[in-house]
Protein backbone atom coordinates (compact mmCIF):
# COMPACT_ATOMS: atom_id res chain seq x y z
CA UNK A 1 0.00 0.00 0.00
CA UNK A 2 2.86 2.41 0.83
CA UNK A 3 4.45 1.76 -2.56
CA UNK A 4 1.20 2.59 -4.34
CA UNK A 5 0.78 5.77 -2.31
CA UNK A 6 4.39 6.77 -3.05
CA UNK A 7 3.80 6.13 -6.76
CA UNK A 8 0.67 8.32 -6.69
CA UNK A 9 2.49 11.16 -4.94
CA UNK A 10 5.51 11.08 -7.25
CA UNK A 11 3.46 10.85 -10.44
CA UNK A 12 0.69 13.25 -9.39
CA UNK A 13 1.75 16.12 -11.69
CA UNK A 14 2.14 13.67 -14.58
CA UNK A 15 -1.48 12.65 -14.14
CA UNK A 16 -2.50 16.28 -14.53
CA UNK A 17 -0.70 16.46 -17.88
CA UNK A 18 -2.25 13.17 -19.04
CA UNK A 19 -5.69 14.39 -17.92
CA UNK A 20 -5.21 17.69 -19.77
CA UNK A 21 -4.15 15.85 -22.92
CA UNK A 22 -7.13 13.47 -22.73
CA UNK A 23 -9.47 16.41 -22.18
CA UNK A 24 -7.92 18.20 -25.15
CA UNK A 25 -8.31 15.14 -27.37
CA UNK A 26 -11.92 14.75 -26.24
CA UNK A 27 -12.71 18.40 -27.01
CA UNK A 28 -10.86 18.17 -30.33
CA UNK A 29 -12.95 15.17 -31.35
CA UNK A 30 -16.34 16.42 -30.04
CA UNK A 31 -16.14 20.05 -31.15
CA UNK A 32 -15.63 19.48 -34.90
CA UNK A 33 -18.69 17.17 -34.99
CA UNK A 34 -20.87 20.14 -34.04
CA UNK A 35 -19.38 22.42 -36.70
CA UNK A 36 -20.37 22.30 -40.37
CA UNK A 37 -17.45 23.97 -42.16
CA UNK A 38 -14.14 22.20 -42.61
CA UNK A 39 -12.18 25.37 -41.84
CA UNK A 40 -14.06 25.80 -38.54
CA UNK A 41 -13.32 22.17 -37.65
CA UNK A 42 -9.63 22.63 -38.40
CA UNK A 43 -9.44 25.91 -36.47
CA UNK A 44 -11.16 24.38 -33.44
CA UNK A 45 -8.61 21.56 -33.28
CA UNK A 46 -5.73 24.04 -33.65
CA UNK A 47 -7.29 26.31 -30.99
CA UNK A 48 -7.61 23.48 -28.48
CA UNK A 49 -4.03 22.41 -29.16
CA UNK A 50 -2.71 25.98 -28.67
CA UNK A 51 -4.64 26.47 -25.44
CA UNK A 52 -3.32 23.20 -24.00
CA UNK A 53 0.20 23.95 -25.20
CA UNK A 54 0.15 27.38 -23.56
CA UNK A 55 -1.30 26.00 -20.32
CA UNK A 56 1.44 23.39 -20.12
CA UNK A 57 4.46 25.28 -21.47
CA UNK A 58 3.55 28.98 -21.64
CA UNK A 59 5.24 29.96 -18.37
CA UNK A 60 8.47 28.26 -19.43
CA UNK A 61 8.51 30.04 -22.79
CA UNK A 62 7.62 33.46 -21.35
CA UNK A 63 10.19 33.06 -18.56
CA UNK A 64 12.97 32.23 -21.02
CA UNK A 65 12.07 35.22 -23.20
CA UNK A 66 12.11 37.51 -20.16
CA UNK A 67 15.42 36.01 -18.97
CA UNK A 68 16.92 36.65 -22.40
CA UNK A 69 15.78 40.28 -22.21
CA UNK A 70 17.26 40.71 -18.71
CA UNK A 71 20.55 39.11 -19.79
CA UNK A 72 20.83 41.49 -22.74
CA UNK A 73 19.89 44.66 -20.87
CA UNK A 74 20.91 44.36 -17.21
CA UNK A 75 23.18 41.39 -16.53
CA UNK A 76 26.94 41.34 -16.63
CA UNK A 77 30.18 42.20 -14.91
CA UNK A 78 30.65 45.91 -14.35
CA UNK A 79 33.97 47.38 -13.16
CA UNK A 80 33.90 50.96 -11.91
CA UNK A 81 37.44 51.17 -10.53
CA UNK A 82 40.49 48.90 -10.57
CA UNK A 83 42.89 48.39 -7.69
CA UNK A 84 46.58 47.60 -8.21
CA UNK A 85 47.95 45.12 -5.70
CA UNK A 86 51.65 44.42 -5.00
CA UNK A 87 53.48 41.15 -5.74
CA UNK A 88 52.71 39.49 -2.39
CA UNK A 89 49.05 39.06 -3.47
CA UNK A 90 50.04 36.93 -6.46
CA UNK A 91 51.75 33.54 -6.74
CA UNK A 92 54.66 32.64 -9.04
CA UNK A 93 52.27 31.99 -11.96
CA UNK A 94 50.52 35.34 -11.54
CA UNK A 95 47.37 33.83 -10.05
CA UNK A 96 45.71 35.74 -7.23
CA UNK A 97 46.24 34.26 -3.75
CA UNK A 98 43.01 35.84 -2.51
CA UNK A 99 40.66 33.64 -4.58
CA UNK A 100 40.06 31.19 -1.78
CA UNK A 101 40.72 33.45 1.19
CA UNK A 102 39.47 36.90 0.26
CA UNK A 103 38.61 38.02 3.81
CA UNK A 104 42.02 37.25 5.33
CA UNK A 105 44.01 38.91 2.53
CA UNK A 106 41.79 41.80 1.45
CA UNK A 107 39.05 41.87 4.07
CA UNK A 108 40.54 44.76 6.05
CA UNK A 109 40.26 47.23 3.20
CA UNK A 110 37.70 45.73 0.81
CA UNK A 111 34.37 44.01 1.18
CA UNK A 112 32.62 41.44 -0.95
CA UNK A 113 28.88 41.09 -0.48
CA UNK A 114 26.62 38.52 -2.05
CA UNK A 115 23.18 39.79 -2.99
CA UNK A 116 20.16 37.70 -3.85
CA UNK A 117 16.55 38.69 -4.36
CA UNK A 118 13.43 37.40 -6.05
CA UNK A 119 13.20 39.54 -9.17
CA UNK A 120 10.00 38.11 -10.68
CA UNK A 121 7.81 35.68 -8.79
CA UNK A 122 5.54 35.30 -11.84
CA UNK A 123 8.36 34.05 -14.09
CA UNK A 124 10.44 32.50 -11.25
CA UNK A 125 13.51 34.66 -11.88
CA UNK A 126 16.02 35.60 -9.19
CA UNK A 127 18.58 38.41 -9.31
CA UNK A 128 21.94 37.47 -7.80
CA UNK A 129 25.48 38.76 -7.75
CA UNK A 130 28.43 40.20 -5.89
CA UNK A 131 29.37 43.76 -5.04
CA UNK A 132 32.97 44.66 -4.20
CA UNK A 133 33.59 47.93 -2.41
CA UNK A 134 36.25 49.88 -0.59
CA UNK A 135 35.51 49.75 3.16
CA UNK A 136 37.22 53.08 3.86
CA UNK A 137 35.35 55.16 1.29
CA UNK A 138 32.25 52.99 0.70
CA UNK A 139 32.98 53.34 -3.01
CA UNK A 140 31.70 50.47 -5.15
CA UNK A 141 34.56 49.02 -7.19
CA UNK A 142 32.48 46.67 -9.28
CA UNK A 143 29.46 44.47 -9.36
CA UNK A 144 28.30 41.28 -10.96
CA UNK A 145 24.63 41.09 -11.85
CA UNK A 146 23.15 37.77 -12.89
CA UNK A 147 19.64 36.43 -13.27
CA UNK A 148 18.52 32.86 -12.77
CA UNK A 149 15.37 31.36 -14.28
CA UNK A 150 14.10 28.33 -12.38
CA UNK A 151 11.79 27.19 -15.18
CA UNK A 152 8.11 26.74 -15.72
CA UNK A 153 5.85 24.67 -13.53
CA UNK A 154 6.66 21.44 -15.36
CA UNK A 155 10.43 21.79 -14.96
CA UNK A 156 10.16 22.89 -11.33
CA UNK A 157 7.82 20.05 -10.37
CA UNK A 158 8.56 17.13 -12.67
CA UNK A 159 12.33 17.08 -13.10
CA UNK A 160 15.22 16.52 -10.75
CA UNK A 161 17.08 19.51 -12.20
CA UNK A 162 17.28 22.03 -9.36
CA UNK A 163 19.47 24.56 -11.12
CA UNK A 164 18.55 27.85 -12.69
CA UNK A 165 19.43 28.92 -16.20
CA UNK A 166 21.56 32.06 -15.86
CA UNK A 167 23.10 34.80 -17.97
CA UNK A 168 26.79 34.76 -17.06
CA UNK A 169 29.13 32.01 -18.22
CA UNK A 170 31.23 31.50 -15.10
CA UNK A 171 33.72 29.23 -16.87
CA UNK A 172 34.87 32.24 -18.94
CA UNK A 173 37.75 33.92 -17.02
CA UNK A 174 36.76 37.35 -18.37
CA UNK A 175 33.56 37.09 -16.32
CA UNK A 176 35.42 36.81 -13.00
CA UNK A 177 34.79 40.13 -11.35
CA UNK A 178 37.63 39.80 -8.87
CA UNK A 179 40.12 39.39 -11.75
CA UNK A 180 38.94 42.56 -13.34
CA UNK A 181 38.97 44.73 -10.22
CA UNK A 182 42.18 43.58 -8.51
CA UNK A 183 45.14 43.60 -10.88
CA UNK A 184 48.92 43.31 -10.40
CA UNK A 185 50.83 46.57 -10.09
CA UNK A 186 51.84 48.17 -13.41
CA UNK A 187 49.45 46.14 -15.55
CA UNK A 188 46.43 48.42 -15.97
CA UNK A 189 46.00 47.25 -19.56
CA UNK A 190 44.51 43.90 -18.49
């Protein structure tokens, strides 16, 4: 009995989709029988299909379109001021020592704050990012603005993927904000 109950709970949203599809097929078969013109029959079937398609996938499509707009207009890495750091902040290969331990190396003079907020609850989009600033002057050195789309109701409820689609490609070194703000002395042309 527990296995059957577990199956019903896990497949509950799938049953809604199957029920919607069966209802759509039923309407698509019954509605054209009442209509006389072939064009009206065809349009009724297309109309039912479009309504079901939008009910099932409309929030995913609209959310992706809105995410694409936000990525193009607001997201990205923005550097307002660079800071030159002496040799002791870099290893022999020129890689920053403060990647893993920012607070102990730069925490006295600079702050890094993570920001996260729900940007659109309708489209399930969050706004996230980091802000680096000078603690002494409260001047913002740079910020990273990213948006994450968690998907439509089907993806959020029926898949095991718990990650958001975002704007910034974090594997690209040019998108690392810390690399663009803190640079080695005498290399401002980075």
